[in-house]
């Protein structure tokens, strides 16, 4: 199954929105998960691929249900 550009953009937008709703800056997120602010910026903009381990850290940090992130892939 191919991931469309639209799905990828929606997923990345959900990552950024979850961070904002959590009241965190990119720098704060980076500090909490042990990476750099520029890394978080590149992930949110799609410049680098998101590894599962990093996604799971963000998922726990942002405390959102899985559907929040994966609704981009629904068949609706």
N, C-alpha and C. Protein backbone atom coordinates (compact mmCIF):
# COMPACT_ATOMS: atom_id res chain seq x y z
N UNK A 1 0.84 -1.18 0.00
CA UNK A 1 0.00 0.00 0.00
C UNK A 1 0.89 1.24 0.00
N UNK A 2 0.58 2.17 -0.86
CA UNK A 2 1.35 3.40 -0.97
C UNK A 2 0.75 4.50 -0.10
N UNK A 3 1.61 5.25 0.54
CA UNK A 3 1.18 6.40 1.32
C UNK A 3 1.18 7.60 0.39
N UNK A 4 0.04 8.26 0.29
CA UNK A 4 -0.06 9.41 -0.59
C UNK A 4 0.54 10.65 0.06
N UNK A 5 0.85 11.64 -0.75
CA UNK A 5 1.37 12.90 -0.22
C UNK A 5 0.35 13.55 0.71
N UNK A 6 -0.91 13.44 0.35
CA UNK A 6 -1.98 14.01 1.19
C UNK A 6 -2.01 13.35 2.57
N UNK A 7 -1.90 12.03 2.60
CA UNK A 7 -1.90 11.30 3.87
C UNK A 7 -0.70 11.70 4.71
N UNK A 8 0.46 11.79 4.08
CA UNK A 8 1.68 12.16 4.79
C UNK A 8 1.54 13.56 5.38
N UNK A 9 1.04 14.50 4.60
CA UNK A 9 0.87 15.87 5.08
C UNK A 9 -0.09 15.93 6.26
N UNK A 10 -1.18 15.18 6.17
CA UNK A 10 -2.16 15.17 7.25
C UNK A 10 -1.56 14.56 8.53
N UNK A 11 -0.79 13.49 8.37
CA UNK A 11 -0.15 12.87 9.52
C UNK A 11 0.84 13.84 10.17
N UNK A 12 1.67 14.49 9.36
CA UNK A 12 2.66 15.43 9.89
C UNK A 12 1.98 16.62 10.56
N UNK A 13 0.87 17.07 9.98
CA UNK A 13 0.11 18.16 10.59
C UNK A 13 -0.42 17.75 11.95
N UNK A 14 -0.84 16.48 12.07
CA UNK A 14 -1.35 16.01 13.37
C UNK A 14 -0.24 15.96 14.41
N UNK A 15 0.97 15.64 14.00
CA UNK A 15 2.10 15.64 14.94
C UNK A 15 2.35 17.05 15.48
N UNK A 16 2.38 18.00 14.58
CA UNK A 16 2.61 19.39 14.99
C UNK A 16 1.47 19.89 15.87
N UNK A 17 0.24 19.61 15.47
CA UNK A 17 -0.93 20.06 16.23
C UNK A 17 -0.95 19.44 17.63
N UNK A 18 -0.57 18.19 17.74
CA UNK A 18 -0.53 17.53 19.05
C UNK A 18 0.49 18.21 19.96
N UNK A 19 1.62 18.59 19.38
CA UNK A 19 2.65 19.30 20.16
C UNK A 19 2.10 20.63 20.65
N UNK A 20 1.46 21.37 19.76
CA UNK A 20 0.91 22.68 20.11
C UNK A 20 -0.17 22.53 21.19
N UNK A 21 -1.05 21.55 21.02
CA UNK A 21 -2.11 21.32 22.00
C UNK A 21 -1.55 20.89 23.36
N UNK A 22 -0.37 20.26 23.34
CA UNK A 22 0.28 19.87 24.60
C UNK A 22 0.98 21.07 25.25
N UNK A 23 1.00 22.20 24.54
CA UNK A 23 1.62 23.40 25.08
C UNK A 23 3.13 23.35 25.10
N UNK A 24 3.70 22.62 24.13
CA UNK A 24 5.14 22.43 24.10
C UNK A 24 5.77 23.06 22.85
N UNK A 25 6.96 23.59 23.02
CA UNK A 25 7.73 24.06 21.88
C UNK A 25 8.53 22.89 21.31
N UNK A 26 9.06 23.09 20.12
CA UNK A 26 9.91 22.05 19.54
C UNK A 26 11.11 21.79 20.45
N UNK A 27 11.66 22.83 21.03
CA UNK A 27 12.82 22.67 21.92
C UNK A 27 12.47 21.86 23.16
N UNK A 28 11.30 22.11 23.72
CA UNK A 28 10.88 21.36 24.91
C UNK A 28 10.66 19.89 24.58
N UNK A 29 10.05 19.62 23.44
CA UNK A 29 9.85 18.24 23.01
C UNK A 29 11.19 17.56 22.82
N UNK A 30 12.09 18.23 22.14
CA UNK A 30 13.42 17.66 21.89
C UNK A 30 14.12 17.30 23.19
N UNK A 31 14.05 18.19 24.16
CA UNK A 31 14.69 17.94 25.45
C UNK A 31 14.06 16.73 26.15
N UNK A 32 12.76 16.63 26.09
CA UNK A 32 12.06 15.54 26.78
C UNK A 32 12.31 14.16 26.15
N UNK A 33 12.54 14.12 24.83
CA UNK A 33 12.76 12.82 24.20
C UNK A 33 14.22 12.56 23.81
N UNK A 34 15.09 13.51 24.16
CA UNK A 34 16.51 13.30 23.96
C UNK A 34 17.02 13.50 22.54
N UNK A 35 16.53 14.54 21.90
CA UNK A 35 16.99 14.85 20.55
C UNK A 35 17.13 16.36 20.42
N UNK A 36 17.31 16.87 19.22
CA UNK A 36 17.49 18.31 19.02
C UNK A 36 16.21 18.97 18.48
N UNK A 37 16.15 20.27 18.66
CA UNK A 37 15.02 21.04 18.12
C UNK A 37 14.98 20.93 16.61
N UNK A 38 16.14 20.96 15.97
CA UNK A 38 16.17 20.88 14.51
C UNK A 38 15.65 19.53 14.02
N UNK A 39 15.89 18.47 14.79
CA UNK A 39 15.36 17.16 14.44
C UNK A 39 13.84 17.17 14.47
N UNK A 40 13.26 17.75 15.52
CA UNK A 40 11.80 17.82 15.64
C UNK A 40 11.24 18.65 14.48
N UNK A 41 11.89 19.74 14.15
CA UNK A 41 11.45 20.57 13.03
C UNK A 41 11.46 19.78 11.72
N UNK A 42 12.52 19.03 11.50
CA UNK A 42 12.62 18.23 10.27
C UNK A 42 11.58 17.12 10.23
N UNK A 43 11.28 16.52 11.36
CA UNK A 43 10.23 15.49 11.40
C UNK A 43 8.88 16.12 11.07
N UNK A 44 8.55 17.24 11.73
CA UNK A 44 7.26 17.89 11.52
C UNK A 44 7.09 18.40 10.08
N UNK A 45 8.18 18.74 9.43
CA UNK A 45 8.10 19.24 8.06
C UNK A 45 8.24 18.13 7.02
N UNK A 46 8.51 16.91 7.47
CA UNK A 46 8.62 15.79 6.55
C UNK A 46 9.96 15.68 5.86
N UNK A 47 10.95 16.42 6.32
CA UNK A 47 12.27 16.39 5.71
C UNK A 47 13.04 15.12 6.05
N UNK A 48 12.67 14.51 7.17
CA UNK A 48 13.25 13.22 7.53
C UNK A 48 12.13 12.28 7.95
N UNK A 49 12.36 11.01 7.77
CA UNK A 49 11.36 10.00 8.14
C UNK A 49 11.32 9.83 9.64
N UNK A 50 10.15 9.54 10.12
CA UNK A 50 9.93 9.34 11.55
C UNK A 50 10.11 7.87 11.89
N UNK A 51 11.08 7.58 12.72
CA UNK A 51 11.30 6.20 13.17
C UNK A 51 10.24 5.83 14.21
N UNK A 52 9.93 4.56 14.26
CA UNK A 52 8.90 4.08 15.17
C UNK A 52 9.22 4.46 16.62
N UNK A 53 10.45 4.30 17.03
CA UNK A 53 10.84 4.60 18.41
C UNK A 53 10.55 6.07 18.76
N UNK A 54 10.86 6.97 17.84
CA UNK A 54 10.60 8.40 18.07
C UNK A 54 9.10 8.66 18.09
N UNK A 55 8.37 8.05 17.17
CA UNK A 55 6.92 8.24 17.16
C UNK A 55 6.31 7.79 18.49
N UNK A 56 6.75 6.65 18.99
CA UNK A 56 6.19 6.15 20.25
C UNK A 56 6.48 7.10 21.41
N UNK A 57 7.65 7.71 21.41
CA UNK A 57 7.97 8.70 22.45
C UNK A 57 7.04 9.91 22.33
N UNK A 58 6.82 10.37 21.09
CA UNK A 58 5.92 11.51 20.88
C UNK A 58 4.49 11.15 21.26
N UNK A 59 4.07 9.97 20.88
CA UNK A 59 2.73 9.47 21.19
C UNK A 59 2.50 9.50 22.71
N UNK A 60 3.46 9.03 23.47
CA UNK A 60 3.33 9.03 24.93
C UNK A 60 3.37 10.45 25.48
N UNK A 61 4.24 11.27 24.94
CA UNK A 61 4.39 12.64 25.43
C UNK A 61 3.13 13.47 25.17
N UNK A 62 2.56 13.34 23.98
CA UNK A 62 1.41 14.15 23.60
C UNK A 62 0.09 13.62 24.17
N UNK A 63 0.08 12.36 24.59
CA UNK A 63 -1.09 11.76 25.24
C UNK A 63 -2.37 11.91 24.42
N UNK A 64 -2.27 11.53 23.16
CA UNK A 64 -3.43 11.56 22.25
C UNK A 64 -3.78 10.12 21.89
N UNK A 65 -5.04 9.86 21.56
CA UNK A 65 -5.40 8.52 21.10
C UNK A 65 -4.77 8.25 19.73
N UNK A 66 -4.51 7.01 19.43
CA UNK A 66 -3.86 6.64 18.18
C UNK A 66 -4.61 7.17 16.96
N UNK A 67 -5.93 7.17 17.03
CA UNK A 67 -6.73 7.64 15.91
C UNK A 67 -6.44 9.10 15.57
N UNK A 68 -5.99 9.86 16.54
CA UNK A 68 -5.63 11.26 16.31
C UNK A 68 -4.57 11.35 15.22
N UNK A 69 -3.61 10.45 15.26
CA UNK A 69 -2.51 10.47 14.29
C UNK A 69 -2.81 9.69 13.02
N UNK A 70 -3.54 8.63 13.15
CA UNK A 70 -3.73 7.72 12.03
C UNK A 70 -5.02 7.92 11.25
N UNK A 71 -5.79 8.94 11.60
CA UNK A 71 -7.00 9.22 10.83
C UNK A 71 -6.68 9.59 9.38
N UNK A 72 -5.46 10.01 9.13
CA UNK A 72 -5.04 10.34 7.76
C UNK A 72 -5.08 9.12 6.84
N UNK A 73 -5.07 7.94 7.44
CA UNK A 73 -5.01 6.71 6.66
C UNK A 73 -6.35 5.97 6.59
N UNK A 74 -7.40 6.60 7.13
CA UNK A 74 -8.69 5.94 7.06
C UNK A 74 -9.20 5.95 5.62
N UNK A 75 -10.06 5.04 5.30
CA UNK A 75 -10.55 4.91 3.93
C UNK A 75 -11.79 5.73 3.67
N UNK A 76 -12.12 6.60 4.56
CA UNK A 76 -13.32 7.44 4.40
C UNK A 76 -13.07 8.53 3.37
